[in-house]
Amino acid sequence: MANPMAGSAAKGKGDTSRPKTTKTQAKAKEKVKKPGKGFPDPYTAKLDTKKRITIRGAKYQYYAVIPQPDDTFLLKPQVLLGLEDISPDTLAMMDEAMKNFKAGRAYGPIDLT
């Protein structure tokens, strides 16, 4: 029985199951700088019909979006505090304020003009 790979190995070409990389492709790969460890690869995103965009690999649920003068956007992660992160004194003051509001002991509308 003849070995099907014997012909390619005898010619010195090695494994031909994978396409060869051309010099142009190799140069293109060298030019693309990969982001550092822990950063996702760059990608193109498209706004949907409701003008939303999806962030791949997002580590946070909320971001502050800050428009920049050069037509870019800066995203700063925001972490919302849980009730355990708010001091007991602050929670007590908030509870007292809501009791007063529901009892009608609150100031009228404030004119900010």
N, C-alpha and C. Protein backbone atom coordinates (compact mmCIF):
# COMPACT_ATOMS: atom_id res chain seq x y z
N MET A 1 0.85 -1.17 0.00
CA MET A 1 0.00 0.00 0.00
C MET A 1 0.89 1.23 0.00
N ALA A 2 0.60 2.19 -0.84
CA ALA A 2 1.44 3.38 -0.98
C ALA A 2 1.00 4.45 0.02
N ASN A 3 1.95 5.19 0.54
CA ASN A 3 1.68 6.28 1.47
C ASN A 3 1.29 7.52 0.66
N PRO A 4 0.08 8.11 0.91
CA PRO A 4 -0.33 9.27 0.11
C PRO A 4 0.54 10.51 0.37
N MET A 5 1.18 10.61 1.52
CA MET A 5 2.00 11.78 1.84
C MET A 5 3.45 11.59 1.39
N ALA A 6 3.78 10.42 0.87
CA ALA A 6 5.16 10.14 0.50
C ALA A 6 5.65 11.06 -0.61
N GLY A 7 4.78 11.40 -1.56
CA GLY A 7 5.19 12.25 -2.68
C GLY A 7 5.56 13.65 -2.22
N SER A 8 4.76 14.25 -1.32
CA SER A 8 5.05 15.62 -0.89
C SER A 8 6.26 15.67 0.04
N ALA A 9 6.44 14.64 0.86
CA ALA A 9 7.59 14.63 1.76
C ALA A 9 8.87 14.41 0.98
N ALA A 10 8.77 13.63 -0.09
CA ALA A 10 9.96 13.36 -0.88
C ALA A 10 10.43 14.61 -1.61
N LYS A 11 9.49 15.51 -1.95
CA LYS A 11 9.85 16.72 -2.67
C LYS A 11 10.34 17.82 -1.72
N GLY A 12 10.23 17.61 -0.41
CA GLY A 12 10.71 18.58 0.56
C GLY A 12 9.73 19.72 0.84
N LYS A 13 8.46 19.56 0.47
CA LYS A 13 7.48 20.63 0.68
C LYS A 13 6.81 20.54 2.04
N GLY A 14 6.90 19.45 2.74
CA GLY A 14 6.31 19.32 4.07
C GLY A 14 4.80 19.15 4.00
N ASP A 15 4.11 19.60 5.02
CA ASP A 15 2.67 19.47 5.14
C ASP A 15 2.00 20.49 4.22
N THR A 16 1.23 19.99 3.25
CA THR A 16 0.56 20.89 2.31
C THR A 16 -0.92 21.08 2.65
N SER A 17 -1.36 20.65 3.84
CA SER A 17 -2.76 20.76 4.21
C SER A 17 -3.13 22.20 4.57
N ARG A 18 -2.16 23.02 4.91
CA ARG A 18 -2.40 24.41 5.28
C ARG A 18 -1.89 25.33 4.18
N PRO A 19 -2.66 26.39 3.80
CA PRO A 19 -2.13 27.29 2.77
C PRO A 19 -0.93 28.08 3.29
N LYS A 20 -0.03 28.37 2.39
CA LYS A 20 1.18 29.11 2.74
C LYS A 20 0.84 30.59 2.92
N THR A 21 1.57 31.27 3.80
CA THR A 21 1.42 32.72 3.98
C THR A 21 2.33 33.43 3.00
N THR A 22 1.76 34.36 2.24
CA THR A 22 2.58 35.10 1.28
C THR A 22 3.34 36.19 2.00
N LYS A 23 4.32 36.79 1.31
CA LYS A 23 5.11 37.87 1.91
C LYS A 23 4.23 39.07 2.22
N THR A 24 3.26 39.36 1.35
CA THR A 24 2.36 40.50 1.57
C THR A 24 1.52 40.27 2.83
N GLN A 25 1.00 39.05 2.99
CA GLN A 25 0.20 38.74 4.18
C GLN A 25 1.06 38.82 5.44
N ALA A 26 2.30 38.37 5.36
CA ALA A 26 3.19 38.41 6.52
C ALA A 26 3.47 39.85 6.92
N LYS A 27 3.69 40.76 5.94
CA LYS A 27 3.93 42.16 6.24
C LYS A 27 2.70 42.81 6.84
N ALA A 28 1.51 42.44 6.34
CA ALA A 28 0.27 43.01 6.88
C ALA A 28 0.08 42.59 8.33
N LYS A 29 0.43 41.35 8.66
CA LYS A 29 0.31 40.88 10.04
C LYS A 29 1.28 41.62 10.96
N GLU A 30 2.47 41.96 10.44
CA GLU A 30 3.46 42.68 11.24
C GLU A 30 3.00 44.10 11.55
N LYS A 31 2.30 44.75 10.60
CA LYS A 31 1.87 46.13 10.76
C LYS A 31 0.76 46.27 11.80
N VAL A 32 -0.10 45.27 11.92
CA VAL A 32 -1.21 45.34 12.87
C VAL A 32 -0.67 45.11 14.26
N LYS A 33 -0.81 46.13 15.12
CA LYS A 33 -0.34 46.00 16.49
C LYS A 33 -1.47 45.46 17.34
N LYS A 34 -1.20 44.39 18.02
CA LYS A 34 -2.19 43.80 18.91
C LYS A 34 -2.24 44.58 20.21
N PRO A 35 -3.46 44.77 20.75
CA PRO A 35 -3.55 45.44 22.05
C PRO A 35 -2.91 44.58 23.13
N GLY A 36 -2.64 45.18 24.27
CA GLY A 36 -2.00 44.47 25.37
C GLY A 36 -2.87 43.36 25.93
N LYS A 37 -2.30 42.62 26.83
CA LYS A 37 -3.00 41.51 27.44
C LYS A 37 -4.25 42.00 28.18
N GLY A 38 -5.36 41.33 28.01
CA GLY A 38 -6.58 41.69 28.69
C GLY A 38 -7.48 42.60 27.88
N PHE A 39 -7.02 43.10 26.72
CA PHE A 39 -7.83 43.97 25.88
C PHE A 39 -8.37 43.16 24.70
N PRO A 40 -9.63 43.36 24.34
CA PRO A 40 -10.15 42.66 23.16
C PRO A 40 -9.56 43.24 21.88
N ASP A 41 -9.59 42.46 20.82
CA ASP A 41 -9.11 42.94 19.54
C ASP A 41 -10.02 44.05 19.04
N PRO A 42 -9.49 45.00 18.28
CA PRO A 42 -10.33 46.06 17.72
C PRO A 42 -11.38 45.48 16.78
N TYR A 43 -12.53 46.10 16.72
CA TYR A 43 -13.60 45.66 15.83
C TYR A 43 -14.44 46.85 15.42
N THR A 44 -15.22 46.67 14.37
CA THR A 44 -16.12 47.70 13.89
C THR A 44 -17.51 47.40 14.42
N ALA A 45 -18.15 48.42 14.98
CA ALA A 45 -19.49 48.26 15.52
C ALA A 45 -20.44 49.15 14.74
N LYS A 46 -21.72 48.77 14.71
CA LYS A 46 -22.72 49.50 13.97
C LYS A 46 -23.87 49.85 14.91
N LEU A 47 -24.39 51.06 14.79
CA LEU A 47 -25.55 51.45 15.58
C LEU A 47 -26.77 50.69 15.07
N ASP A 48 -27.61 50.23 15.99
CA ASP A 48 -28.85 49.59 15.56
C ASP A 48 -29.90 50.67 15.31
N THR A 49 -31.14 50.26 15.05
CA THR A 49 -32.19 51.23 14.70
C THR A 49 -32.53 52.16 15.85
N LYS A 50 -32.22 51.76 17.08
CA LYS A 50 -32.47 52.61 18.24
C LYS A 50 -31.22 53.37 18.68
N LYS A 51 -30.22 53.43 17.77
CA LYS A 51 -28.95 54.15 18.00
C LYS A 51 -28.18 53.60 19.21
N ARG A 52 -28.18 52.28 19.35
CA ARG A 52 -27.43 51.63 20.41
C ARG A 52 -26.24 50.90 19.80
N ILE A 53 -25.25 50.65 20.62
CA ILE A 53 -24.06 49.93 20.18
C ILE A 53 -23.72 48.89 21.24
N THR A 54 -23.19 47.76 20.83
CA THR A 54 -22.81 46.70 21.75
C THR A 54 -21.31 46.73 21.95
N ILE A 55 -20.89 46.66 23.19
CA ILE A 55 -19.46 46.62 23.52
C ILE A 55 -19.10 45.18 23.84
N ARG A 56 -18.24 44.59 23.03
CA ARG A 56 -17.83 43.20 23.27
C ARG A 56 -16.87 43.13 24.44
N GLY A 57 -17.00 42.12 25.24
CA GLY A 57 -16.08 41.90 26.35
C GLY A 57 -16.16 42.96 27.43
N ALA A 58 -17.30 43.63 27.54
CA ALA A 58 -17.45 44.69 28.54
C ALA A 58 -17.37 44.10 29.94
N LYS A 59 -16.62 44.75 30.81
CA LYS A 59 -16.46 44.29 32.18
C LYS A 59 -17.44 44.96 33.12
N TYR A 60 -18.07 46.04 32.66
CA TYR A 60 -19.00 46.78 33.50
C TYR A 60 -20.33 46.90 32.78
N GLN A 61 -21.39 47.16 33.55
CA GLN A 61 -22.71 47.28 32.97
C GLN A 61 -23.02 48.73 32.59
N TYR A 62 -22.44 49.70 33.30
CA TYR A 62 -22.71 51.11 33.05
C TYR A 62 -21.41 51.84 32.71
N TYR A 63 -21.50 52.74 31.73
CA TYR A 63 -20.36 53.54 31.32
C TYR A 63 -20.80 54.99 31.19
N ALA A 64 -19.94 55.92 31.59
CA ALA A 64 -20.15 57.33 31.31
C ALA A 64 -19.55 57.59 29.94
N VAL A 65 -20.34 58.15 29.03
CA VAL A 65 -19.89 58.42 27.67
C VAL A 65 -19.54 59.90 27.59
N ILE A 66 -18.27 60.20 27.27
CA ILE A 66 -17.79 61.57 27.23
C ILE A 66 -17.34 61.88 25.80
N PRO A 67 -18.10 62.74 25.09
CA PRO A 67 -17.67 63.12 23.73
C PRO A 67 -16.39 63.94 23.78
N GLN A 68 -15.49 63.66 22.85
CA GLN A 68 -14.21 64.35 22.77
C GLN A 68 -14.23 65.32 21.58
N PRO A 69 -13.40 66.37 21.59
CA PRO A 69 -13.38 67.34 20.48
C PRO A 69 -12.98 66.73 19.14
N ASP A 70 -12.25 65.62 19.15
CA ASP A 70 -11.81 65.00 17.90
C ASP A 70 -12.81 63.96 17.38
N ASP A 71 -14.08 64.10 17.77
CA ASP A 71 -15.19 63.22 17.33
C ASP A 71 -15.02 61.78 17.80
N THR A 72 -14.34 61.56 18.88
CA THR A 72 -14.27 60.25 19.50
C THR A 72 -15.05 60.30 20.81
N PHE A 73 -15.26 59.14 21.40
CA PHE A 73 -15.98 59.05 22.66
C PHE A 73 -15.10 58.33 23.67
N LEU A 74 -15.08 58.85 24.88
CA LEU A 74 -14.35 58.23 25.97
C LEU A 74 -15.37 57.52 26.86
N LEU A 75 -15.14 56.25 27.12
CA LEU A 75 -16.04 55.48 27.98
C LEU A 75 -15.36 55.26 29.32
N LYS A 76 -15.99 55.75 30.38
CA LYS A 76 -15.46 55.53 31.72
C LYS A 76 -16.43 54.62 32.46
N PRO A 77 -15.94 53.51 32.99
CA PRO A 77 -16.84 52.59 33.70
C PRO A 77 -17.40 53.23 34.96
N GLN A 78 -18.67 52.94 35.21
CA GLN A 78 -19.33 53.40 36.42
C GLN A 78 -19.83 52.19 37.19
N VAL A 79 -19.58 52.18 38.46
CA VAL A 79 -20.04 51.10 39.31
C VAL A 79 -21.07 51.68 40.27
N LEU A 80 -22.29 51.15 40.21
CA LEU A 80 -23.33 51.63 41.11
C LEU A 80 -23.15 50.98 42.48
N LEU A 81 -23.39 51.74 43.51
CA LEU A 81 -23.21 51.23 44.87
C LEU A 81 -24.42 50.41 45.30
N GLY A 82 -24.15 49.37 46.01
CA GLY A 82 -25.21 48.58 46.61
C GLY A 82 -25.59 49.17 47.96
N LEU A 83 -26.67 48.69 48.55
CA LEU A 83 -27.11 49.22 49.83
C LEU A 83 -26.08 48.98 50.94
N GLU A 84 -25.29 47.93 50.81
CA GLU A 84 -24.29 47.66 51.83
C GLU A 84 -23.14 48.67 51.80
N ASP A 85 -22.99 49.40 50.67
CA ASP A 85 -21.93 50.39 50.55
C ASP A 85 -22.34 51.77 51.04
N ILE A 86 -23.63 51.97 51.33
CA ILE A 86 -24.13 53.25 51.83
C ILE A 86 -24.17 53.17 53.35
N SER A 87 -23.66 54.22 53.99
CA SER A 87 -23.56 54.18 55.45
C SER A 87 -24.94 54.12 56.10
N PRO A 88 -25.05 53.50 57.28
CA PRO A 88 -26.34 53.41 57.99
C PRO A 88 -26.92 54.78 58.33
N ASP A 89 -26.07 55.77 58.64
CA ASP A 89 -26.56 57.11 58.94
C ASP A 89 -27.25 57.73 57.72
N THR A 90 -26.65 57.55 56.55
CA THR A 90 -27.24 58.10 55.33
C THR A 90 -28.57 57.42 55.03
N LEU A 91 -28.62 56.10 55.20
CA LEU A 91 -29.88 55.38 54.98
C LEU A 91 -30.95 55.85 55.95
N ALA A 92 -30.58 56.10 57.20
CA ALA A 92 -31.55 56.57 58.19
C ALA A 92 -32.08 57.95 57.81
N MET A 93 -31.20 58.84 57.33
CA MET A 93 -31.64 60.17 56.90
C MET A 93 -32.59 60.08 55.70
N MET A 94 -32.30 59.17 54.77
CA MET A 94 -33.16 59.00 53.61
C MET A 94 -34.53 58.46 54.03
N ASP A 95 -34.56 57.51 54.96
CA ASP A 95 -35.83 56.98 55.47
C ASP A 95 -36.65 58.07 56.15
N GLU A 96 -35.98 58.90 56.95
CA GLU A 96 -36.66 60.01 57.65
C GLU A 96 -37.22 61.01 56.65
N ALA A 97 -36.45 61.32 55.60
CA ALA A 97 -36.91 62.26 54.58
C ALA A 97 -38.14 61.72 53.85
N MET A 98 -38.18 60.42 53.58
CA MET A 98 -39.35 59.83 52.90
C MET A 98 -40.57 59.83 53.81
N LYS A 99 -40.38 59.58 55.10
CA LYS A 99 -41.50 59.63 56.06
C LYS A 99 -42.08 61.04 56.09
N ASN A 100 -41.22 62.06 56.15
CA ASN A 100 -41.68 63.45 56.15
C ASN A 100 -42.41 63.79 54.86
N PHE A 101 -41.89 63.33 53.73
CA PHE A 101 -42.50 63.63 52.44
C PHE A 101 -43.89 63.01 52.35
N LYS A 102 -44.01 61.74 52.77
CA LYS A 102 -45.30 61.06 52.71
C LYS A 102 -46.30 61.65 53.69
N ALA A 103 -45.81 62.22 54.80
CA ALA A 103 -46.69 62.84 55.79
C ALA A 103 -47.07 64.26 55.39
N GLY A 104 -46.53 64.76 54.30
CA GLY A 104 -46.85 66.11 53.85
C GLY A 104 -45.99 67.18 54.47
N ARG A 105 -44.99 66.79 55.23
CA ARG A 105 -44.08 67.77 55.83
C ARG A 105 -42.89 68.00 54.88
N ALA A 106 -43.20 68.70 53.80
CA ALA A 106 -42.15 68.99 52.81
C ALA A 106 -42.37 70.39 52.28
N TYR A 107 -41.31 70.98 51.82
CA TYR A 107 -41.39 72.32 51.24
C TYR A 107 -42.09 72.26 49.89
N GLY A 108 -42.63 73.39 49.49
CA GLY A 108 -43.27 73.49 48.19
C GLY A 108 -42.23 73.47 47.08
N PRO A 109 -42.69 73.69 45.86
CA PRO A 109 -41.77 73.67 44.73
C PRO A 109 -40.73 74.78 44.86
N ILE A 110 -39.55 74.51 44.40
CA ILE A 110 -38.44 75.48 44.46
C ILE A 110 -38.26 76.08 43.08
N ASP A 111 -38.24 77.40 43.00
CA ASP A 111 -38.02 78.10 41.73
C ASP A 111 -36.51 78.24 41.50
N LEU A 112 -35.98 77.55 40.50
CA LEU A 112 -34.55 77.56 40.22
C LEU A 112 -34.17 78.56 39.13
N THR A 113 -35.11 79.39 38.72
CA THR A 113 -34.79 80.35 37.65
C THR A 113 -34.08 81.56 38.15
